[in-house]
Amino acid sequence: MRHISDTERRARLGRRHGLAPALRLPDPEAATRAMTVLHATEPATVYLALHARVDGLRVEDVDRVLYDDRTLVKQLAMRRTLFVFPRDLLPAAWGSASARVATALSARLAKEAVQAGLTDDGAAWLARARAATLAHLAAAGALTAAELREQVPALAGRLDTALGKPYGGSFPLAPRILGQLAVEGHIVRGHNAGSWWTSRPRWTLMRSWLGDLPAALPEGAGYAALVGRWLATFGPGTVEDLQWWLGSTKGAVRSALAEVRAVEVTLDGGTTGWVLPEDVDEVPATEPWAALLPVLDPTVMGWKSRDFYLAGHGPALFDRNGNAGTTAWWDGRVVGCWVQDPDGVVEVRLLEEVPAEGRALLEVEAQRLTEWLQGRRVSTVYPSPAMKEPR
């Protein structure tokens, strides 16, 4: 059985994720495909993740593929997370990861509506709200959430859940119902009414946004397509890595691995990983490289087991809920994070000793990112402990 060491895993990461300057990717579509999907929970992450991988990237280049060409599309999917998908991968998600989330969310929302006293039949209530929203969007076209709340009575109310408990409260209905329709693939976040670092989408029907829609793949085929793309990006990985990333079951993962004819390999630490059958050969190392990645970057969030590139820095770089803050990379390993000063200048904060060559290349990346941001300070709701550390 082939053995793939942590050193080689870092070499694969450097080559395939477009992070080494000599291996950056030609455009936003290529960079997104290289990563399978991009995290989009925070809108700025999409732009910053692409900037890290594409030389000469402009904000307009990302806007074009998202809103004009629509070759990249936002879709709620794995682990109830918003991602940017290559358009051709959407049917795989609709039939598998998104469908799984949609089932769970609809059951929860229907139950909470009954508990809150909004209805005696949660499923029927939700069906009416969904139908009213879709009918209004079909007639009125793209609308913001605020506009929909004003124009669709079913979206105007609030949901009181678990009152008196830390996780409870009174929440507006509109985000829950719009999120349900989005994960089902009926509606999509269209043109952004705000700036690139904010999220004010105009919701629109998916069929209006993309035209003729392909059918969702059957569940098994959908998971197999996602697993095949993931292995090309992140392989080798373990069953546990895939189960976490997909938000699925071990059974679904094992079936998908069999479908793509994945090959077992051994990893450092004695664990078993998987690669695509055409990906068994050794991957040589690149020249040492540096990179600065944003909050929730897909590279940082690609695996559940991260020791081969985090080297024990996880508690400093992730919040308590497992959300990654910014990261600074040297030669395939995370060595710190980055922040901005009051003037928007990017500063690297190291968590370990880095050779002079690495510090110099990290400074090059800091200057590159500072110039691209042009004084714009990008905030986040997921700052890591290292980012919050006073200096």
Protein backbone atom coordinates (compact mmCIF):
# COMPACT_ATOMS: atom_id res chain seq x y z
CA MET A 1 0.00 0.00 0.00
CA ARG A 2 1.33 3.44 -0.97
CA HIS A 3 2.38 5.70 1.92
CA ILE A 4 1.87 9.47 1.64
CA SER A 5 3.75 11.43 4.28
CA ASP A 6 2.73 14.74 5.81
CA THR A 7 5.53 16.35 3.82
CA GLU A 8 4.03 15.12 0.58
CA ARG A 9 0.54 16.14 1.67
CA ARG A 10 1.84 19.68 2.10
CA ALA A 11 3.46 19.49 -1.34
CA ARG A 12 0.15 18.43 -2.86
CA LEU A 13 -1.58 21.30 -1.11
CA GLY A 14 0.94 23.80 -2.43
CA ARG A 15 0.63 22.57 -6.00
CA ARG A 16 -3.11 22.07 -6.22
CA HIS A 17 -4.53 25.00 -4.28
CA GLY A 18 -2.92 27.70 -6.38
CA LEU A 19 -1.09 29.19 -3.40
CA ALA A 20 2.54 29.06 -4.50
CA PRO A 21 3.12 32.21 -6.59
CA ALA A 22 4.50 30.20 -9.51
CA LEU A 23 1.40 28.01 -9.49
CA ARG A 24 -1.35 30.59 -9.17
CA LEU A 25 -4.39 30.04 -11.35
CA PRO A 26 -5.50 32.01 -14.40
CA ASP A 27 -8.98 33.17 -13.38
CA PRO A 28 -11.72 32.91 -10.74
CA GLU A 29 -13.38 29.90 -12.38
CA ALA A 30 -10.14 27.91 -12.45
CA ALA A 31 -9.35 28.83 -8.85
CA THR A 32 -12.81 27.78 -7.66
CA ARG A 33 -12.61 24.49 -9.51
CA ALA A 34 -9.20 23.85 -8.01
CA MET A 35 -10.75 24.20 -4.54
CA THR A 36 -14.00 22.33 -5.42
CA VAL A 37 -16.02 25.12 -3.77
CA LEU A 38 -15.32 28.38 -1.91
CA HIS A 39 -16.70 29.24 1.51
CA ALA A 40 -19.09 32.18 1.24
CA THR A 41 -20.42 32.57 4.78
CA GLU A 42 -18.68 35.93 4.82
CA PRO A 43 -18.89 37.61 1.40
CA ALA A 44 -15.36 39.01 1.60
CA THR A 45 -13.93 35.48 1.89
CA VAL A 46 -14.83 34.73 -1.73
CA TYR A 47 -12.89 37.72 -3.03
CA LEU A 48 -9.93 37.29 -0.70
CA ALA A 49 -9.65 33.55 -1.34
CA LEU A 50 -9.58 34.20 -5.07
CA HIS A 51 -7.10 37.04 -4.70
CA ALA A 52 -4.73 34.66 -2.91
CA ARG A 53 -4.84 32.32 -5.92
CA VAL A 54 -5.16 34.58 -8.98
CA ASP A 55 -2.60 37.20 -10.01
CA GLY A 56 -4.00 40.54 -11.11
CA LEU A 57 -7.48 39.77 -9.85
CA ARG A 58 -9.94 42.67 -9.79
CA VAL A 59 -13.19 42.91 -7.86
CA GLU A 60 -14.93 43.28 -11.22
CA ASP A 61 -13.55 39.91 -12.33
CA VAL A 62 -15.28 38.18 -9.42
CA ASP A 63 -18.48 40.17 -9.89
CA ARG A 64 -18.53 39.17 -13.55
CA VAL A 65 -18.43 35.42 -12.94
CA LEU A 66 -20.89 35.65 -10.03
CA TYR A 67 -23.46 38.06 -11.44
CA ASP A 68 -23.01 38.38 -15.21
CA ASP A 69 -21.61 35.11 -16.59
CA ARG A 70 -23.00 33.17 -13.60
CA THR A 71 -20.42 30.43 -13.99
CA LEU A 72 -20.03 30.50 -10.21
CA VAL A 73 -23.18 30.27 -8.09
CA LYS A 74 -23.88 30.57 -4.36
CA GLN A 75 -25.58 27.54 -2.85
CA LEU A 76 -26.29 26.47 0.72
CA ALA A 77 -24.98 22.94 1.08
CA MET A 78 -22.60 20.94 3.24
CA ARG A 79 -23.02 21.49 7.01
CA ARG A 80 -25.62 24.23 6.41
CA THR A 81 -22.83 26.40 5.00
CA LEU A 82 -23.03 28.82 2.10
CA PHE A 83 -20.56 28.03 -0.69
CA VAL A 84 -19.71 29.27 -4.16
CA PHE A 85 -20.02 26.34 -6.56
CA PRO A 86 -18.90 25.93 -10.14
CA ARG A 87 -22.20 25.90 -11.98
CA ASP A 88 -21.80 22.35 -13.29
CA LEU A 89 -21.41 20.96 -9.75
CA LEU A 90 -24.75 22.29 -8.51
CA PRO A 91 -26.84 19.21 -9.52
CA ALA A 92 -24.55 17.03 -7.40
CA ALA A 93 -25.19 19.19 -4.32
CA TRP A 94 -28.92 19.55 -4.96
CA GLY A 95 -29.35 15.78 -4.90
CA SER A 96 -27.10 15.02 -1.93
CA ALA A 97 -25.62 17.46 0.59
CA SER A 98 -28.17 20.23 0.02
CA ALA A 99 -31.06 17.78 0.04
CA ARG A 100 -29.89 16.36 3.37
CA VAL A 101 -29.73 19.82 4.92
CA ALA A 102 -33.09 20.82 3.40
CA THR A 103 -34.84 17.83 4.97
CA ALA A 104 -33.44 18.56 8.40
CA LEU A 105 -34.15 22.30 8.26
CA SER A 106 -37.72 21.96 7.02
CA ALA A 107 -38.59 19.48 9.77
CA ARG A 108 -37.07 21.76 12.40
CA LEU A 109 -38.81 24.90 11.12
CA ALA A 110 -42.20 23.17 10.91
CA LYS A 111 -41.83 21.87 14.47
CA GLU A 112 -40.76 25.26 15.83
CA ALA A 113 -43.69 26.99 14.12
CA VAL A 114 -46.09 24.70 15.99
CA GLN A 115 -44.25 25.17 19.29
CA ALA A 116 -44.36 28.95 18.84
CA GLY A 117 -48.12 28.87 18.30
CA LEU A 118 -48.02 30.06 14.69
CA THR A 119 -49.93 27.04 13.40
CA ASP A 120 -51.26 23.62 14.29
CA ASP A 121 -49.78 22.08 11.14
CA GLY A 122 -46.17 23.08 10.64
CA ALA A 123 -45.66 21.25 7.35
CA ALA A 124 -48.73 22.86 5.76
CA TRP A 125 -47.79 26.28 7.15
CA LEU A 126 -44.29 26.02 5.68
CA ALA A 127 -45.64 24.82 2.33
CA ARG A 128 -47.91 27.89 2.14
CA ALA A 129 -45.08 30.27 3.03
CA ARG A 130 -42.79 28.68 0.45
CA ALA A 131 -45.46 28.83 -2.26
CA ALA A 132 -46.33 32.47 -1.52
CA THR A 133 -42.68 33.51 -1.66
CA LEU A 134 -42.00 31.69 -4.92
CA ALA A 135 -45.14 33.10 -6.54
CA HIS A 136 -44.22 36.63 -5.53
CA LEU A 137 -40.67 36.31 -6.86
CA ALA A 138 -42.01 34.89 -10.12
CA ALA A 139 -44.22 37.96 -10.55
CA ALA A 140 -42.00 40.70 -9.11
CA GLY A 141 -38.50 39.56 -10.03
CA ALA A 142 -35.41 39.94 -7.85
CA LEU A 143 -35.99 41.44 -4.39
CA THR A 144 -33.98 41.96 -1.23
CA ALA A 145 -35.02 40.24 1.98
CA ALA A 146 -36.32 43.56 3.32
CA GLU A 147 -38.49 44.05 0.25
CA LEU A 148 -39.81 40.50 0.49
CA ARG A 149 -40.73 40.98 4.16
CA GLU A 150 -42.76 44.05 3.22
CA GLN A 151 -44.51 42.43 0.27
CA VAL A 152 -45.10 38.82 1.39
CA PRO A 153 -47.14 38.55 4.59
CA ALA A 154 -45.89 35.01 5.28
CA LEU A 155 -42.36 36.41 5.67
CA ALA A 156 -43.21 39.31 7.93
CA GLY A 157 -43.58 37.57 11.28
CA ARG A 158 -41.19 36.37 13.95
CA LEU A 159 -40.52 33.00 15.51
CA ASP A 160 -40.12 32.71 19.28
CA THR A 161 -38.09 29.61 20.17
CA ALA A 162 -36.56 28.32 23.41
CA LEU A 163 -37.32 31.54 25.24
CA GLY A 164 -35.26 31.91 28.38
CA LYS A 165 -32.45 29.69 27.13
CA PRO A 166 -29.06 30.99 25.91
CA TYR A 167 -29.68 29.77 22.35
CA GLY A 168 -33.32 30.90 22.22
CA GLY A 169 -35.01 34.17 21.38
CA SER A 170 -37.29 35.91 18.94
CA PHE A 171 -36.11 35.60 15.34
CA PRO A 172 -37.49 36.97 12.05
CA LEU A 173 -39.14 34.39 9.83
CA ALA A 174 -37.83 35.68 6.51
CA PRO A 175 -34.22 34.40 6.79
CA ARG A 176 -35.46 30.93 7.80
CA ILE A 177 -37.92 30.58 4.93
CA LEU A 178 -35.60 32.15 2.36
CA GLY A 179 -32.82 29.87 3.57
CA GLN A 180 -35.11 26.86 3.17
CA LEU A 181 -35.95 27.79 -0.41
CA ALA A 182 -32.28 28.45 -1.12
CA VAL A 183 -31.00 25.11 0.17
CA GLU A 184 -33.70 23.42 -1.91
CA GLY A 185 -32.33 25.16 -5.01
CA HIS A 186 -35.54 27.08 -5.73
CA ILE A 187 -34.06 30.55 -5.15
CA VAL A 188 -30.57 31.98 -5.26
CA ARG A 189 -28.65 34.98 -3.95
CA GLY A 190 -28.48 37.09 -7.09
CA HIS A 191 -27.02 40.56 -7.57
CA ASN A 192 -25.56 42.07 -4.42
CA ALA A 193 -27.16 45.37 -3.48
CA GLY A 194 -24.18 46.17 -1.25
CA SER A 195 -20.41 46.35 -1.64
CA TRP A 196 -18.26 43.25 -2.20
CA TRP A 197 -17.48 42.91 1.52
CA THR A 198 -21.17 43.03 2.55
CA SER A 199 -24.11 40.72 1.89
CA ARG A 200 -27.31 42.32 0.63
CA PRO A 201 -28.43 39.86 -2.04
CA ARG A 202 -31.41 40.30 -4.30
CA TRP A 203 -33.18 36.98 -4.13
CA THR A 204 -34.36 35.53 -7.41
CA LEU A 205 -35.71 32.27 -8.72
CA MET A 206 -32.94 29.82 -9.60
CA ARG A 207 -34.58 29.10 -12.96
CA SER A 208 -34.60 32.82 -13.75
CA TRP A 209 -30.96 33.17 -12.72
CA LEU A 210 -29.59 30.17 -14.60
CA GLY A 211 -32.19 29.47 -17.30
CA ASP A 212 -32.88 25.82 -18.05
CA LEU A 213 -31.91 23.89 -14.96
CA PRO A 214 -30.42 20.40 -15.07
CA ALA A 215 -32.06 17.84 -12.84
CA ALA A 216 -30.56 17.12 -9.45
CA LEU A 217 -28.43 13.99 -9.45
CA PRO A 218 -29.63 11.00 -7.43
CA GLU A 219 -28.25 11.05 -3.91
CA GLY A 220 -25.55 8.42 -4.45
CA ALA A 221 -24.36 9.95 -7.72
CA GLY A 222 -24.36 13.40 -6.14
CA TYR A 223 -22.19 12.34 -3.25
CA ALA A 224 -19.85 10.50 -5.61
CA ALA A 225 -19.41 13.63 -7.73
CA LEU A 226 -18.64 15.74 -4.66
CA VAL A 227 -16.24 13.16 -3.24
CA GLY A 228 -14.42 12.85 -6.55
CA ARG A 229 -13.90 16.61 -6.72
CA TRP A 230 -12.85 16.72 -3.05
CA LEU A 231 -10.24 13.99 -3.53
CA ALA A 232 -8.79 15.84 -6.52
CA THR A 233 -8.44 18.95 -4.35
CA PHE A 234 -7.67 17.59 -0.88
CA GLY A 235 -6.63 13.96 -1.34
CA PRO A 236 -5.40 12.07 0.49
CA GLY A 237 -8.05 12.35 3.13
CA THR A 238 -9.70 10.04 5.61
CA VAL A 239 -13.28 8.84 5.81
CA GLU A 240 -13.67 11.10 8.83
CA ASP A 241 -12.38 14.10 6.87
CA LEU A 242 -14.95 13.48 4.14
CA GLN A 243 -17.78 12.79 6.55
CA TRP A 244 -17.10 16.10 8.30
CA TRP A 245 -16.69 18.09 5.08
CA LEU A 246 -19.86 16.66 3.52
CA GLY A 247 -21.85 16.80 6.74
CA SER A 248 -23.01 13.31 5.85
CA THR A 249 -22.73 9.73 7.11
CA LYS A 250 -19.87 7.27 6.96
CA GLY A 251 -22.09 5.02 4.88
CA ALA A 252 -22.60 7.69 2.25
CA VAL A 253 -18.86 8.42 2.22
CA ARG A 254 -17.87 4.78 1.82
CA SER A 255 -20.38 4.28 -0.99
CA ALA A 256 -19.04 7.37 -2.78
CA LEU A 257 -15.43 6.21 -2.35
CA ALA A 258 -16.36 2.89 -3.92
CA GLU A 259 -18.19 4.65 -6.76
CA VAL A 260 -15.12 6.73 -7.70
CA ARG A 261 -12.86 3.69 -7.18
CA ALA A 262 -10.76 5.49 -4.62
CA VAL A 263 -7.52 3.84 -3.56
CA GLU A 264 -6.38 3.31 0.03
CA VAL A 265 -3.07 4.80 1.16
CA THR A 266 -1.38 4.99 4.55
CA LEU A 267 -0.70 8.31 6.24
CA ASP A 268 1.67 9.43 8.97
CA GLY A 269 0.31 8.46 12.35
CA GLY A 270 -0.91 5.10 11.07
CA THR A 271 -4.24 6.25 9.66
CA THR A 272 -5.75 5.27 6.32
CA GLY A 273 -6.42 7.83 3.61
CA TRP A 274 -7.92 7.77 0.15
CA VAL A 275 -6.90 9.14 -3.24
CA LEU A 276 -8.31 8.89 -6.75
CA PRO A 277 -6.99 5.91 -8.72
CA GLU A 278 -5.05 8.21 -11.06
CA ASP A 279 -3.48 10.09 -8.15
CA VAL A 280 -1.26 7.46 -6.54
CA ASP A 281 2.09 8.66 -7.91
CA GLU A 282 4.38 10.76 -5.71
CA VAL A 283 3.96 14.53 -5.97
CA PRO A 284 7.22 16.50 -5.78
CA ALA A 285 7.65 19.50 -3.53
CA THR A 286 7.44 23.05 -4.83
CA GLU A 287 9.80 25.89 -4.11
CA PRO A 288 9.08 27.28 -0.62
CA TRP A 289 6.09 29.64 -0.72
CA ALA A 290 4.13 32.01 1.49
CA ALA A 291 0.46 32.89 1.46
CA LEU A 292 -2.08 34.90 3.46
CA LEU A 293 -5.54 33.35 3.49
CA PRO A 294 -8.83 34.83 4.71
CA VAL A 295 -11.29 33.74 7.33
CA LEU A 296 -12.85 30.34 6.46
CA ASP A 297 -10.57 29.84 3.47
CA PRO A 298 -11.29 26.48 1.76
CA THR A 299 -7.72 25.25 2.26
CA VAL A 300 -7.86 25.79 6.00
CA MET A 301 -11.36 24.26 6.22
CA GLY A 302 -10.70 21.32 3.90
CA TRP A 303 -9.96 18.58 6.44
CA LYS A 304 -11.22 17.60 9.87
CA SER A 305 -7.75 16.37 10.92
CA ARG A 306 -5.41 19.32 10.38
CA ASP A 307 -2.24 18.54 12.29
CA PHE A 308 -0.18 18.05 9.14
CA TYR A 309 -0.44 21.76 8.35
CA LEU A 310 -1.53 23.37 11.65
CA ALA A 311 1.25 21.98 13.87
CA GLY A 312 -0.65 22.52 17.09
CA HIS A 313 -1.74 26.10 16.34
CA GLY A 314 -5.44 25.22 16.07
CA PRO A 315 -6.56 26.73 19.40
CA ALA A 316 -5.01 30.07 18.45
CA LEU A 317 -6.43 30.13 14.92
CA PHE A 318 -9.96 28.72 15.28
CA ASP A 319 -12.82 29.99 17.41
CA ARG A 320 -14.73 27.72 19.79
CA ASN A 321 -17.17 26.70 17.07
CA GLY A 322 -14.44 25.54 14.69
CA ASN A 323 -14.41 28.59 12.42
CA ALA A 324 -10.98 29.47 11.08
CA GLY A 325 -9.69 32.99 11.27
CA THR A 326 -7.09 34.42 8.92
CA THR A 327 -3.95 32.34 8.41
CA ALA A 328 -0.36 32.98 7.37
CA TRP A 329 1.36 30.08 5.57
CA TRP A 330 5.00 29.24 5.06
CA ASP A 331 5.96 26.28 2.88
CA GLY A 332 2.75 24.35 3.36
CA ARG A 333 2.25 25.00 7.08
CA VAL A 334 0.27 27.57 9.01
CA VAL A 335 2.68 29.71 11.05
CA GLY A 336 0.43 32.57 12.15
CA CYS A 337 -2.37 34.89 11.13
CA TRP A 338 -2.79 38.37 9.69
CA VAL A 339 -4.69 41.47 10.75
CA GLN A 340 -5.05 45.06 9.53
CA ASP A 341 -4.01 48.20 11.34
CA PRO A 342 -6.34 51.25 11.55
CA ASP A 343 -5.12 52.41 8.12
CA GLY A 344 -5.84 49.04 6.50
CA VAL A 345 -2.20 47.93 6.31
CA VAL A 346 -1.88 44.14 6.55
CA GLU A 347 0.30 42.89 9.39
CA VAL A 348 1.48 39.29 9.85
CA ARG A 349 1.42 37.82 13.36
CA LEU A 350 3.70 34.81 13.69
CA LEU A 351 3.07 32.01 16.17
CA GLU A 352 6.47 30.36 15.71
CA GLU A 353 9.95 31.07 14.45
CA VAL A 354 10.12 31.41 10.65
CA PRO A 355 13.37 31.65 8.68
CA ALA A 356 14.36 34.96 7.15
CA GLU A 357 13.34 33.76 3.69
CA GLY A 358 9.86 32.96 4.97
CA ARG A 359 9.47 36.28 6.76
CA ALA A 360 10.51 38.13 3.63
CA LEU A 361 8.02 36.26 1.44
CA LEU A 362 5.24 36.77 3.98
CA GLU A 363 5.98 40.48 3.89
CA VAL A 364 5.70 40.41 0.10
CA GLU A 365 2.25 38.84 0.45
CA ALA A 366 1.27 41.38 3.11
CA GLN A 367 2.21 44.23 0.78
CA ARG A 368 0.38 42.58 -2.12
CA LEU A 369 -2.81 42.22 -0.06
CA THR A 370 -2.52 45.73 1.38
CA GLU A 371 -2.29 47.19 -2.13
CA TRP A 372 -5.26 45.17 -3.33
CA LEU A 373 -7.46 46.25 -0.41
CA GLN A 374 -6.63 49.93 -1.04
CA GLY A 375 -7.25 50.94 2.55
CA ARG A 376 -10.46 48.94 2.93
CA ARG A 377 -10.56 47.30 6.36
CA VAL A 378 -12.39 43.97 6.21
CA SER A 379 -14.15 42.99 9.43
CA THR A 380 -15.23 39.51 10.47
CA VAL A 381 -17.57 37.87 12.95
CA TYR A 382 -15.09 34.98 13.27
CA PRO A 383 -11.91 36.49 14.71
CA SER A 384 -9.55 33.90 16.12
CA PRO A 385 -7.81 34.29 19.50
CA ALA A 386 -4.58 35.12 17.66
CA MET A 387 -6.32 37.88 15.70
CA LYS A 388 -7.78 39.37 18.89
CA GLU A 389 -4.49 39.30 20.77
CA PRO A 390 -3.57 42.93 21.64
CA ARG A 391 -0.31 44.24 20.26
